[in-house]
Full PDB file with SEQRES, HELIX, SHEET, SSBOND, CRYST1, ORIGX, SCALE, CONECT and MASTER records, all heavy atoms in Angstrom:
SEQRES   1 A   43  CYS ALA PRO HIS ALA ASN GLN PHE VAL ASP PRO THR VAL          
SEQRES   2 A   43  VAL THR LYS ALA ILE PRO ARG THR ASP ILE GLY PHE LEU          
SEQRES   3 A   43  ALA ALA ALA SER THR MET ARG LYS LYS TYR ILE GLY ARG          
SEQRES   4 A   43  LEU ALA LYS VAL                                              
HELIX    1 AA1 VAL A    9  ALA A   17  1                                   9    
HELIX    2 AA2 ALA A   29  MET A   32  1                                   4    
HELIX    3 AA3 LYS A   35  LYS A   42  1                                   8    
CRYST1    1.000    1.000    1.000  90.00  90.00  90.00 P 1           1          
ORIGX1      1.000000  0.000000  0.000000        0.00000                         
ORIGX2      0.000000  1.000000  0.000000        0.00000                         
ORIGX3      0.000000  0.000000  1.000000        0.00000                         
SCALE1      1.000000  0.000000  0.000000        0.00000                         
SCALE2      0.000000  1.000000  0.000000        0.00000                         
SCALE3      0.000000  0.000000  1.000000        0.00000                         
ATOM      1  N   CYS A   1       0.825  -1.216   0.000  1.00  0.00           N  
ATOM      2  CA  CYS A   1       0.000   0.000   0.000  1.00  0.00           C  
ATOM      3  C   CYS A   1       0.857   1.263   0.000  1.00  0.00           C  
ATOM      4  O   CYS A   1       1.853   1.346   0.722  1.00  0.00           O  
ATOM      5  CB  CYS A   1      -0.916   0.014   1.226  1.00  0.00           C  
ATOM      6  SG  CYS A   1      -1.793  -1.532   1.526  1.00  0.00           S  
ATOM      7  N   ALA A   2       0.453   2.246  -0.784  1.00  0.00           N  
ATOM      8  CA  ALA A   2       1.181   3.516  -0.866  1.00  0.00           C  
ATOM      9  C   ALA A   2       0.290   4.557  -1.534  1.00  0.00           C  
ATOM     10  O   ALA A   2      -0.693   4.189  -2.205  1.00  0.00           O  
ATOM     11  CB  ALA A   2       2.481   3.334  -1.655  1.00  0.00           C  
ATOM     12  N   PRO A   3       0.604   5.841  -1.377  1.00  0.00           N  
ATOM     13  CA  PRO A   3       1.591   6.393  -0.447  1.00  0.00           C  
ATOM     14  C   PRO A   3       1.097   6.319   0.994  1.00  0.00           C  
ATOM     15  O   PRO A   3      -0.104   6.206   1.233  1.00  0.00           O  
ATOM     16  CB  PRO A   3       1.740   7.845  -0.916  1.00  0.00           C  
ATOM     17  CG  PRO A   3       0.451   8.153  -1.601  1.00  0.00           C  
ATOM     18  CD  PRO A   3      -0.028   6.878  -2.217  1.00  0.00           C  
ATOM     19  N   HIS A   4       2.033   6.403   1.934  1.00  0.00           N  
ATOM     20  CA  HIS A   4       1.711   6.234   3.353  1.00  0.00           C  
ATOM     21  C   HIS A   4       1.646   7.604   4.023  1.00  0.00           C  
ATOM     22  O   HIS A   4       2.668   8.192   4.362  1.00  0.00           O  
ATOM     23  CB  HIS A   4       2.771   5.357   4.013  1.00  0.00           C  
ATOM     24  CG  HIS A   4       2.418   4.907   5.397  1.00  0.00           C  
ATOM     25  ND1 HIS A   4       1.126   4.934   5.888  1.00  0.00           N  
ATOM     26  CD2 HIS A   4       3.194   4.418   6.403  1.00  0.00           C  
ATOM     27  CE1 HIS A   4       1.121   4.475   7.122  1.00  0.00           C  
ATOM     28  NE2 HIS A   4       2.359   4.161   7.465  1.00  0.00           N  
ATOM     29  N   ALA A   5       0.433   8.104   4.219  1.00  0.00           N  
ATOM     30  CA  ALA A   5       0.253   9.451   4.759  1.00  0.00           C  
ATOM     31  C   ALA A   5       0.013   9.464   6.263  1.00  0.00           C  
ATOM     32  O   ALA A   5       0.395  10.411   6.944  1.00  0.00           O  
ATOM     33  CB  ALA A   5      -0.911  10.146   4.054  1.00  0.00           C  
ATOM     34  N   ASN A   6      -0.634   8.413   6.807  1.00  0.00           N  
ATOM     35  CA  ASN A   6      -0.982   8.410   8.221  1.00  0.00           C  
ATOM     36  C   ASN A   6      -0.997   6.973   8.730  1.00  0.00           C  
ATOM     37  O   ASN A   6      -1.666   6.111   8.143  1.00  0.00           O  
ATOM     38  CB  ASN A   6      -2.345   9.072   8.433  1.00  0.00           C  
ATOM     39  CG  ASN A   6      -2.700   9.234   9.899  1.00  0.00           C  
ATOM     40  OD1 ASN A   6      -3.031   8.273  10.585  1.00  0.00           O  
ATOM     41  ND2 ASN A   6      -2.629  10.465  10.384  1.00  0.00           N  
ATOM     42  N   GLN A   7      -0.280   6.711   9.836  1.00  0.00           N  
ATOM     43  CA  GLN A   7      -0.139   5.338  10.325  1.00  0.00           C  
ATOM     44  C   GLN A   7      -1.427   4.767  10.903  1.00  0.00           C  
ATOM     45  O   GLN A   7      -1.541   3.547  11.069  1.00  0.00           O  
ATOM     46  CB  GLN A   7       0.967   5.272  11.370  1.00  0.00           C  
ATOM     47  CG  GLN A   7       0.703   6.083  12.633  1.00  0.00           C  
ATOM     48  CD  GLN A   7       1.747   5.856  13.705  1.00  0.00           C  
ATOM     49  OE1 GLN A   7       2.244   4.749  13.888  1.00  0.00           O  
ATOM     50  NE2 GLN A   7       2.101   6.913  14.432  1.00  0.00           N  
ATOM     51  N   PHE A   8      -2.397   5.614  11.230  1.00  0.00           N  
ATOM     52  CA  PHE A   8      -3.656   5.120  11.784  1.00  0.00           C  
ATOM     53  C   PHE A   8      -4.768   5.094  10.731  1.00  0.00           C  
ATOM     54  O   PHE A   8      -5.540   4.136  10.653  1.00  0.00           O  
ATOM     55  CB  PHE A   8      -4.085   5.988  12.973  1.00  0.00           C  
ATOM     56  CG  PHE A   8      -3.081   6.036  14.080  1.00  0.00           C  
ATOM     57  CD1 PHE A   8      -2.439   7.219  14.411  1.00  0.00           C  
ATOM     58  CD2 PHE A   8      -2.757   4.885  14.785  1.00  0.00           C  
ATOM     59  CE1 PHE A   8      -1.506   7.268  15.427  1.00  0.00           C  
ATOM     60  CE2 PHE A   8      -1.821   4.920  15.809  1.00  0.00           C  
ATOM     61  CZ  PHE A   8      -1.190   6.112  16.125  1.00  0.00           C  
ATOM     62  N   VAL A   9      -4.856   6.146   9.920  1.00  0.00           N  
ATOM     63  CA  VAL A   9      -5.952   6.246   8.942  1.00  0.00           C  
ATOM     64  C   VAL A   9      -5.740   5.296   7.770  1.00  0.00           C  
ATOM     65  O   VAL A   9      -6.682   4.617   7.319  1.00  0.00           O  
ATOM     66  CB  VAL A   9      -6.093   7.695   8.439  1.00  0.00           C  
ATOM     67  CG1 VAL A   9      -7.198   7.786   7.382  1.00  0.00           C  
ATOM     68  CG2 VAL A   9      -6.400   8.632   9.596  1.00  0.00           C  
ATOM     69  N   ASP A  10      -4.498   5.216   7.256  1.00  0.00           N  
ATOM     70  CA  ASP A  10      -4.239   4.409   6.063  1.00  0.00           C  
ATOM     71  C   ASP A  10      -4.653   2.941   6.219  1.00  0.00           C  
ATOM     72  O   ASP A  10      -5.335   2.389   5.338  1.00  0.00           O  
ATOM     73  CB  ASP A  10      -2.762   4.491   5.679  1.00  0.00           C  
ATOM     74  CG  ASP A  10      -2.371   5.884   5.203  1.00  0.00           C  
ATOM     75  OD1 ASP A  10      -3.277   6.708   4.989  1.00  0.00           O  
ATOM     76  OD2 ASP A  10      -1.172   6.151   5.046  1.00  0.00           O  
ATOM     77  N   PRO A  11      -4.259   2.248   7.307  1.00  0.00           N  
ATOM     78  CA  PRO A  11      -4.683   0.849   7.443  1.00  0.00           C  
ATOM     79  C   PRO A  11      -6.204   0.697   7.507  1.00  0.00           C  
ATOM     80  O   PRO A  11      -6.754  -0.271   6.971  1.00  0.00           O  
ATOM     81  CB  PRO A  11      -4.036   0.405   8.764  1.00  0.00           C  
ATOM     82  CG  PRO A  11      -2.904   1.341   8.968  1.00  0.00           C  
ATOM     83  CD  PRO A  11      -3.360   2.648   8.410  1.00  0.00           C  
ATOM     84  N   THR A  12      -6.886   1.645   8.155  1.00  0.00           N  
ATOM     85  CA  THR A  12      -8.351   1.574   8.234  1.00  0.00           C  
ATOM     86  C   THR A  12      -8.979   1.749   6.861  1.00  0.00           C  
ATOM     87  O   THR A  12      -9.917   1.024   6.499  1.00  0.00           O  
ATOM     88  CB  THR A  12      -8.887   2.663   9.189  1.00  0.00           C  
ATOM     89  OG1 THR A  12      -8.252   2.523  10.462  1.00  0.00           O  
ATOM     90  CG2 THR A  12     -10.391   2.538   9.358  1.00  0.00           C  
ATOM     91  N   VAL A  13      -8.464   2.686   6.081  1.00  0.00           N  
ATOM     92  CA  VAL A  13      -8.979   2.924   4.728  1.00  0.00           C  
ATOM     93  C   VAL A  13      -8.789   1.680   3.855  1.00  0.00           C  
ATOM     94  O   VAL A  13      -9.711   1.247   3.146  1.00  0.00           O  
ATOM     95  CB  VAL A  13      -8.279   4.146   4.096  1.00  0.00           C  
ATOM     96  CG1 VAL A  13      -8.548   4.216   2.599  1.00  0.00           C  
ATOM     97  CG2 VAL A  13      -8.744   5.433   4.769  1.00  0.00           C  
ATOM     98  N   VAL A  14      -7.598   1.084   3.915  1.00  0.00           N  
ATOM     99  CA  VAL A  14      -7.329  -0.112   3.102  1.00  0.00           C  
ATOM    100  C   VAL A  14      -8.195  -1.285   3.557  1.00  0.00           C  
ATOM    101  O   VAL A  14      -8.755  -2.024   2.734  1.00  0.00           O  
ATOM    102  CB  VAL A  14      -5.834  -0.482   3.171  1.00  0.00           C  
ATOM    103  CG1 VAL A  14      -5.581  -1.807   2.444  1.00  0.00           C  
ATOM    104  CG2 VAL A  14      -4.986   0.624   2.555  1.00  0.00           C  
ATOM    105  N   THR A  15      -8.323  -1.458   4.872  1.00  0.00           N  
ATOM    106  CA  THR A  15      -9.144  -2.553   5.402  1.00  0.00           C  
ATOM    107  C   THR A  15     -10.596  -2.431   4.943  1.00  0.00           C  
ATOM    108  O   THR A  15     -11.240  -3.432   4.626  1.00  0.00           O  
ATOM    109  CB  THR A  15      -9.080  -2.585   6.944  1.00  0.00           C  
ATOM    110  OG1 THR A  15      -7.720  -2.721   7.350  1.00  0.00           O  
ATOM    111  CG2 THR A  15      -9.872  -3.746   7.502  1.00  0.00           C  
ATOM    112  N   LYS A  16     -11.098  -1.204   4.912  1.00  0.00           N  
ATOM    113  CA  LYS A  16     -12.475  -0.985   4.456  1.00  0.00           C  
ATOM    114  C   LYS A  16     -12.613  -1.261   2.958  1.00  0.00           C  
ATOM    115  O   LYS A  16     -13.639  -1.745   2.482  1.00  0.00           O  
ATOM    116  CB  LYS A  16     -12.909   0.448   4.765  1.00  0.00           C  
ATOM    117  CG  LYS A  16     -14.331   0.788   4.300  1.00  0.00           C  
ATOM    118  CD  LYS A  16     -14.765   2.153   4.779  1.00  0.00           C  
ATOM    119  CE  LYS A  16     -16.071   2.582   4.117  1.00  0.00           C  
ATOM    120  NZ  LYS A  16     -17.162   1.605   4.315  1.00  0.00           N  
ATOM    121  N   ALA A  17     -11.540  -0.954   2.196  1.00  0.00           N  
ATOM    122  CA  ALA A  17     -11.603  -1.108   0.737  1.00  0.00           C  
ATOM    123  C   ALA A  17     -11.448  -2.558   0.286  1.00  0.00           C  
ATOM    124  O   ALA A  17     -11.960  -2.932  -0.777  1.00  0.00           O  
ATOM    125  CB  ALA A  17     -10.522  -0.248   0.084  1.00  0.00           C  
ATOM    126  N   ILE A  18     -10.744  -3.375   1.070  1.00  0.00           N  
ATOM    127  CA  ILE A  18     -10.455  -4.762   0.671  1.00  0.00           C  
ATOM    128  C   ILE A  18     -11.550  -5.689   1.202  1.00  0.00           C  
ATOM    129  O   ILE A  18     -11.820  -5.706   2.395  1.00  0.00           O  
ATOM    130  CB  ILE A  18      -9.089  -5.206   1.214  1.00  0.00           C  
ATOM    131  CG1 ILE A  18      -7.977  -4.298   0.686  1.00  0.00           C  
ATOM    132  CG2 ILE A  18      -8.806  -6.657   0.848  1.00  0.00           C  
ATOM    133  CD1 ILE A  18      -7.780  -4.331  -0.807  1.00  0.00           C  
ATOM    134  N   PRO A  19     -12.169  -6.484   0.333  1.00  0.00           N  
ATOM    135  CA  PRO A  19     -13.272  -7.363   0.761  1.00  0.00           C  
ATOM    136  C   PRO A  19     -12.803  -8.650   1.437  1.00  0.00           C  
ATOM    137  O   PRO A  19     -13.215  -9.739   1.067  1.00  0.00           O  
ATOM    138  CB  PRO A  19     -13.993  -7.661  -0.556  1.00  0.00           C  
ATOM    139  CG  PRO A  19     -12.931  -7.595  -1.593  1.00  0.00           C  
ATOM    140  CD  PRO A  19     -11.966  -6.529  -1.126  1.00  0.00           C  
ATOM    141  N   ARG A  20     -11.916  -8.544   2.428  1.00  0.00           N  
ATOM    142  CA  ARG A  20     -11.473  -9.691   3.225  1.00  0.00           C  
ATOM    143  C   ARG A  20     -11.450  -9.266   4.689  1.00  0.00           C  
ATOM    144  O   ARG A  20     -11.131  -8.110   5.007  1.00  0.00           O  
ATOM    145  CB  ARG A  20     -10.060 -10.135   2.805  1.00  0.00           C  
ATOM    146  CG  ARG A  20      -9.917 -10.668   1.373  1.00  0.00           C  
ATOM    147  CD  ARG A  20      -9.962 -12.160   1.287  1.00  0.00           C  
ATOM    148  NE  ARG A  20      -9.024 -12.890   2.073  1.00  0.00           N  
ATOM    149  CZ  ARG A  20      -7.977 -13.571   1.584  1.00  0.00           C  
ATOM    150  NH1 ARG A  20      -7.712 -13.537   0.295  1.00  0.00           N  
ATOM    151  NH2 ARG A  20      -7.215 -14.295   2.384  1.00  0.00           N  
ATOM    152  N   THR A  21     -11.765 -10.196   5.587  1.00  0.00           N  
ATOM    153  CA  THR A  21     -11.789  -9.877   7.018  1.00  0.00           C  
ATOM    154  C   THR A  21     -10.552 -10.385   7.753  1.00  0.00           C  
ATOM    155  O   THR A  21     -10.441 -10.208   8.962  1.00  0.00           O  
ATOM    156  CB  THR A  21     -13.038 -10.490   7.678  1.00  0.00           C  
ATOM    157  OG1 THR A  21     -13.009 -11.921   7.502  1.00  0.00           O  
ATOM    158  CG2 THR A  21     -14.307  -9.928   7.056  1.00  0.00           C  
ATOM    159  N   ASP A  22      -9.623 -11.023   7.033  1.00  0.00           N  
ATOM    160  CA  ASP A  22      -8.457 -11.626   7.682  1.00  0.00           C  
ATOM    161  C   ASP A  22      -7.181 -10.839   7.396  1.00  0.00           C  
ATOM    162  O   ASP A  22      -6.116 -11.409   7.184  1.00  0.00           O  
ATOM    163  CB  ASP A  22      -8.286 -13.076   7.242  1.00  0.00           C  
ATOM    164  CG  ASP A  22      -8.155 -13.223   5.728  1.00  0.00           C  
ATOM    165  OD1 ASP A  22      -8.502 -12.268   5.004  1.00  0.00           O  
ATOM    166  OD2 ASP A  22      -7.688 -14.288   5.270  1.00  0.00           O  
ATOM    167  N   ILE A  23      -7.284  -9.513   7.400  1.00  0.00           N  
ATOM    168  CA  ILE A  23      -6.142  -8.655   7.107  1.00  0.00           C  
ATOM    169  C   ILE A  23      -5.419  -8.285   8.402  1.00  0.00           C  
ATOM    170  O   ILE A  23      -6.046  -7.875   9.375  1.00  0.00           O  
ATOM    171  CB  ILE A  23      -6.584  -7.370   6.395  1.00  0.00           C  
ATOM    172  CG1 ILE A  23      -7.368  -7.696   5.122  1.00  0.00           C  
ATOM    173  CG2 ILE A  23      -5.373  -6.497   6.054  1.00  0.00           C  
ATOM    174  CD1 ILE A  23      -7.972  -6.481   4.447  1.00  0.00           C  
ATOM    175  N   GLY A  24      -4.101  -8.435   8.391  1.00  0.00           N  
ATOM    176  CA  GLY A  24      -3.284  -7.990   9.509  1.00  0.00           C  
ATOM    177  C   GLY A  24      -2.141  -7.136   8.986  1.00  0.00           C  
ATOM    178  O   GLY A  24      -1.388  -7.579   8.111  1.00  0.00           O  
ATOM    179  N   PHE A  25      -2.015  -5.908   9.466  1.00  0.00           N  
ATOM    180  CA  PHE A  25      -0.975  -5.000   8.991  1.00  0.00           C  
ATOM    181  C   PHE A  25       0.268  -5.082   9.861  1.00  0.00           C  
ATOM    182  O   PHE A  25       0.179  -5.359  11.061  1.00  0.00           O  
ATOM    183  CB  PHE A  25      -1.482  -3.557   8.991  1.00  0.00           C  
ATOM    184  CG  PHE A  25      -2.257  -3.185   7.758  1.00  0.00           C  
ATOM    185  CD1 PHE A  25      -3.626  -3.383   7.708  1.00  0.00           C  
ATOM    186  CD2 PHE A  25      -1.628  -2.661   6.650  1.00  0.00           C  
ATOM    187  CE1 PHE A  25      -4.356  -3.055   6.579  1.00  0.00           C  
ATOM    188  CE2 PHE A  25      -2.343  -2.331   5.517  1.00  0.00           C  
ATOM    189  CZ  PHE A  25      -3.703  -2.516   5.476  1.00  0.00           C  
ATOM    190  N   LEU A  26       1.411  -4.830   9.252  1.00  0.00           N  
ATOM    191  CA  LEU A  26       2.614  -4.627  10.030  1.00  0.00           C  
ATOM    192  C   LEU A  26       2.505  -3.274  10.721  1.00  0.00           C  
ATOM    193  O   LEU A  26       2.135  -2.286  10.087  1.00  0.00           O  
ATOM    194  CB  LEU A  26       3.851  -4.659   9.138  1.00  0.00           C  
ATOM    195  CG  LEU A  26       4.506  -6.029   8.940  1.00  0.00           C  
ATOM    196  CD1 LEU A  26       3.617  -6.926   8.080  1.00  0.00           C  
ATOM    197  CD2 LEU A  26       5.875  -5.889   8.286  1.00  0.00           C  
ATOM    198  N   ALA A  27       2.798  -3.233  12.010  1.00  0.00           N  
ATOM    199  CA  ALA A  27       2.684  -1.997  12.782  1.00  0.00           C  
ATOM    200  C   ALA A  27       3.934  -1.808  13.630  1.00  0.00           C  
ATOM    201  O   ALA A  27       4.575  -2.779  14.048  1.00  0.00           O  
ATOM    202  CB  ALA A  27       1.446  -2.040  13.686  1.00  0.00           C  
ATOM    203  N   ALA A  28       4.286  -0.556  13.869  1.00  0.00           N  
ATOM    204  CA  ALA A  28       5.447  -0.245  14.692  1.00  0.00           C  
ATOM    205  C   ALA A  28       5.269  -0.820  16.095  1.00  0.00           C  
ATOM    206  O   ALA A  28       4.211  -0.649  16.716  1.00  0.00           O  
ATOM    207  CB  ALA A  28       5.661   1.261  14.751  1.00  0.00           C  
ATOM    208  N   ALA A  29       6.281  -1.496  16.585  1.00  0.00           N  
ATOM    209  CA  ALA A  29       6.205  -2.085  17.920  1.00  0.00           C  
ATOM    210  C   ALA A  29       5.997  -1.013  18.982  1.00  0.00           C  
ATOM    211  O   ALA A  29       5.340  -1.258  20.000  1.00  0.00           O  
ATOM    212  CB  ALA A  29       7.483  -2.873  18.207  1.00  0.00           C  
ATOM    213  N   SER A  30       6.541   0.188  18.748  1.00  0.00           N  
ATOM    214  CA  SER A  30       6.353   1.277  19.710  1.00  0.00           C  
ATOM    215  C   SER A  30       4.890   1.661  19.831  1.00  0.00           C  
ATOM    216  O   SER A  30       4.410   2.008  20.914  1.00  0.00           O  
ATOM    217  CB  SER A  30       7.170   2.498  19.278  1.00  0.00           C  
ATOM    218  OG  SER A  30       6.781   2.950  17.989  1.00  0.00           O  
ATOM    219  N   THR A  31       4.166   1.589  18.716  1.00  0.00           N  
ATOM    220  CA  THR A  31       2.731   1.875  18.740  1.00  0.00           C  
ATOM    221  C   THR A  31       1.982   0.796  19.500  1.00  0.00           C  
ATOM    222  O   THR A  31       1.082   1.080  20.297  1.00  0.00           O  
ATOM    223  CB  THR A  31       2.183   1.983  17.305  1.00  0.00           C  
ATOM    224  OG1 THR A  31       2.840   3.059  16.625  1.00  0.00           O  
ATOM    225  CG2 THR A  31       0.687   2.238  17.312  1.00  0.00           C  
ATOM    226  N   MET A  32       2.364  -0.452  19.277  1.00  0.00           N  
ATOM    227  CA  MET A  32       1.671  -1.561  19.925  1.00  0.00           C  
ATOM    228  C   MET A  32       1.986  -1.649  21.417  1.00  0.00           C  
ATOM    229  O   MET A  32       1.278  -2.342  22.155  1.00  0.00           O  
ATOM    230  CB  MET A  32       2.006  -2.875  19.216  1.00  0.00           C  
ATOM    231  CG  MET A  32       1.515  -2.909  17.775  1.00  0.00           C  
ATOM    232  SD  MET A  32       1.595  -4.538  17.008  1.00  0.00           S  
ATOM    233  CE  MET A  32       0.329  -5.429  17.908  1.00  0.00           C  
ATOM    234  N   ARG A  33       3.029  -0.964  21.860  1.00  0.00           N  
ATOM    235  CA  ARG A  33       3.323  -0.936  23.293  1.00  0.00           C  
ATOM    236  C   ARG A  33       2.472   0.091  24.029  1.00  0.00           C  
ATOM    237  O   ARG A  33       2.444   0.097  25.265  1.00  0.00           O  
ATOM    238  CB  ARG A  33       4.810  -0.647  23.519  1.00  0.00           C  
ATOM    239  CG  ARG A  33       5.717  -1.840  23.253  1.00  0.00           C  
ATOM    240  CD  ARG A  33       7.109  -1.600  23.782  1.00  0.00           C  
ATOM    241  NE  ARG A  33       7.832  -0.618  22.999  1.00  0.00           N  
ATOM    242  CZ  ARG A  33       8.636  -0.906  21.982  1.00  0.00           C  
ATOM    243  NH1 ARG A  33       8.803  -2.172  21.617  1.00  0.00           N  
ATOM    244  NH2 ARG A  33       9.275   0.048  21.329  1.00  0.00           N  
ATOM    245  N   LYS A  34       1.801   0.958  23.306  1.00  0.00           N  
ATOM    246  CA  LYS A  34       0.940   1.948  23.942  1.00  0.00           C  
ATOM    247  C   LYS A  34      -0.293   1.258  24.523  1.00  0.00           C  
ATOM    248  O   LYS A  34      -0.814   0.310  23.932  1.00  0.00           O  
ATOM    249  CB  LYS A  34       0.541   3.023  22.940  1.00  0.00           C  
ATOM    250  CG  LYS A  34       1.726   3.859  22.469  1.00  0.00           C  
ATOM    251  CD  LYS A  34       1.308   4.911  21.459  1.00  0.00           C  
ATOM    252  CE  LYS A  34       2.509   5.744  20.998  1.00  0.00           C  
ATOM    253  NZ  LYS A  34       2.133   6.742  19.979  1.00  0.00           N  
ATOM    254  N   LYS A  35      -0.751   1.757  25.650  1.00  0.00           N  
ATOM    255  CA  LYS A  35      -1.762   1.056  26.436  1.00  0.00           C  
ATOM    256  C   LYS A  35      -3.040   0.775  25.653  1.00  0.00           C  
ATOM    257  O   LYS A  35      -3.495  -0.369  25.576  1.00  0.00           O  
ATOM    258  CB  LYS A  35      -2.083   1.857  27.695  1.00  0.00           C  
ATOM    259  CG  LYS A  35      -3.031   1.152  28.650  1.00  0.00           C  
ATOM    260  CD  LYS A  35      -3.190   1.937  29.934  1.00  0.00           C  
ATOM    261  CE  LYS A  35      -4.121   1.217  30.904  1.00  0.00           C  
ATOM    262  NZ  LYS A  35      -4.287   1.959  32.173  1.00  0.00           N  
ATOM    263  N   TYR A  36      -3.640   1.799  25.074  1.00  0.00           N  
ATOM    264  CA  TYR A  36      -4.942   1.632  24.439  1.00  0.00           C  
ATOM    265  C   TYR A  36      -4.824   1.341  22.938  1.00  0.00           C  
ATOM    266  O   TYR A  36      -5.461   0.416  22.427  1.00  0.00           O  
ATOM    267  CB  TYR A  36      -5.802   2.877  24.663  1.00  0.00           C  
ATOM    268  CG  TYR A  36      -6.083   3.138  26.128  1.00  0.00           C  
ATOM    269  CD1 TYR A  36      -5.491   4.208  26.798  1.00  0.00           C  
ATOM    270  CD2 TYR A  36      -6.914   2.288  26.852  1.00  0.00           C  
ATOM    271  CE1 TYR A  36      -5.732   4.430  28.150  1.00  0.00           C  
ATOM    272  CE2 TYR A  36      -7.164   2.501  28.201  1.00  0.00           C  
ATOM    273  CZ  TYR A  36      -6.575   3.574  28.847  1.00  0.00           C  
ATOM    274  OH  TYR A  36      -6.808   3.781  30.181  1.00  0.00           O  
ATOM    275  N   ILE A  37      -3.993   2.113  22.248  1.00  0.00           N  
ATOM    276  CA  ILE A  37      -3.816   1.886  20.805  1.00  0.00           C  
ATOM    277  C   ILE A  37      -3.235   0.501  20.557  1.00  0.00           C  
ATOM    278  O   ILE A  37      -3.606  -0.184  19.604  1.00  0.00           O  
ATOM    279  CB  ILE A  37      -2.914   2.971  20.205  1.00  0.00           C  
ATOM    280  CG1 ILE A  37      -3.585   4.344  20.323  1.00  0.00           C  
ATOM    281  CG2 ILE A  37      -2.597   2.679  18.743  1.00  0.00           C  
ATOM    282  CD1 ILE A  37      -2.742   5.491  19.818  1.00  0.00           C  
ATOM    283  N   GLY A  38      -2.333   0.080  21.448  1.00  0.00           N  
ATOM    284  CA  GLY A  38      -1.751  -1.247  21.306  1.00  0.00           C  
ATOM    285  C   GLY A  38      -2.781  -2.356  21.409  1.00  0.00           C  
ATOM    286  O   GLY A  38      -2.725  -3.342  20.672  1.00  0.00           O  
ATOM    287  N   ARG A  39      -3.740  -2.193  22.310  1.00  0.00           N  
ATOM    288  CA  ARG A  39      -4.799  -3.206  22.442  1.00  0.00           C  
ATOM    289  C   ARG A  39      -5.644  -3.276  21.178  1.00  0.00           C  
ATOM    290  O   ARG A  39      -6.016  -4.364  20.718  1.00  0.00           O  
ATOM    291  CB  ARG A  39      -5.675  -2.872  23.644  1.00  0.00           C  
ATOM    292  CG  ARG A  39      -4.995  -3.069  24.997  1.00  0.00           C  
ATOM    293  CD  ARG A  39      -5.920  -2.680  26.142  1.00  0.00           C  
ATOM    294  NE  ARG A  39      -5.254  -2.826  27.439  1.00  0.00           N  
ATOM    295  CZ  ARG A  39      -5.815  -2.486  28.589  1.00  0.00           C  
ATOM    296  NH1 ARG A  39      -7.054  -1.991  28.604  1.00  0.00           N  
ATOM    297  NH2 ARG A  39      -5.153  -2.638  29.720  1.00  0.00           N  
ATOM    298  N   LEU A  40      -5.952  -2.106  20.627  1.00  0.00           N  
ATOM    299  CA  LEU A  40      -6.739  -2.082  19.391  1.00  0.00           C  
ATOM    300  C   LEU A  40      -5.975  -2.742  18.246  1.00  0.00           C  
ATOM    301  O   LEU A  40      -6.557  -3.485  17.442  1.00  0.00           O  
ATOM    302  CB  LEU A  40      -7.097  -0.638  19.027  1.00  0.00           C  
ATOM    303  CG  LEU A  40      -7.974   0.123  20.023  1.00  0.00           C  
ATOM    304  CD1 LEU A  40      -8.231   1.537  19.525  1.00  0.00           C  
ATOM    305  CD2 LEU A  40      -9.293  -0.605  20.258  1.00  0.00           C  
ATOM    306  N   ALA A  41      -4.664  -2.468  18.166  1.00  0.00           N  
ATOM    307  CA  ALA A  41      -3.846  -3.065  17.112  1.00  0.00           C  
ATOM    308  C   ALA A  41      -3.788  -4.579  17.244  1.00  0.00           C  
ATOM    309  O   ALA A  41      -3.817  -5.306  16.245  1.00  0.00           O  
ATOM    310  CB  ALA A  41      -2.436  -2.473  17.156  1.00  0.00           C  
ATOM    311  N   LYS A  42      -3.730  -5.080  18.474  1.00  0.00           N  
ATOM    312  CA  LYS A  42      -3.703  -6.527  18.687  1.00  0.00           C  
ATOM    313  C   LYS A  42      -5.026  -7.166  18.292  1.00  0.00           C  
ATOM    314  O   LYS A  42      -5.054  -8.268  17.731  1.00  0.00           O  
ATOM    315  CB  LYS A  42      -3.376  -6.830  20.151  1.00  0.00           C  
ATOM    316  CG  LYS A  42      -1.939  -6.502  20.534  1.00  0.00           C  
ATOM    317  CD  LYS A  42      -1.676  -6.727  22.012  1.00  0.00           C  
ATOM    318  CE  LYS A  42      -0.247  -6.351  22.384  1.00  0.00           C  
ATOM    319  NZ  LYS A  42       0.017  -6.499  23.835  1.00  0.00           N  
ATOM    320  N   VAL A  43      -6.132  -6.474  18.587  1.00  0.00           N  
ATOM    321  CA  VAL A  43      -7.447  -6.985  18.180  1.00  0.00           C  
ATOM    322  C   VAL A  43      -7.526  -7.101  16.664  1.00  0.00           C  
ATOM    323  O   VAL A  43      -8.104  -8.053  16.125  1.00  0.00           O  
ATOM    324  CB  VAL A  43      -8.573  -6.060  18.709  1.00  0.00           C  
ATOM    325  CG1 VAL A  43      -9.913  -6.427  18.068  1.00  0.00           C  
ATOM    326  CG2 VAL A  43      -8.676  -6.167  20.227  1.00  0.00           C  
TER     327      VAL A  43                                                      
MASTER        0    0    0    3    0    0    0    6  326    1    0    4          
END                                                                             
């Protein structure tokens, strides 16, 4: 996926556009260590 403008909006936009429910994005480990955003990323 490109261009990469926003680390939170871009994955959501692509997930909505792709007709599959089994999508998992690569995400920065620093983001996933955050208390709330990290939980959402793991879900």
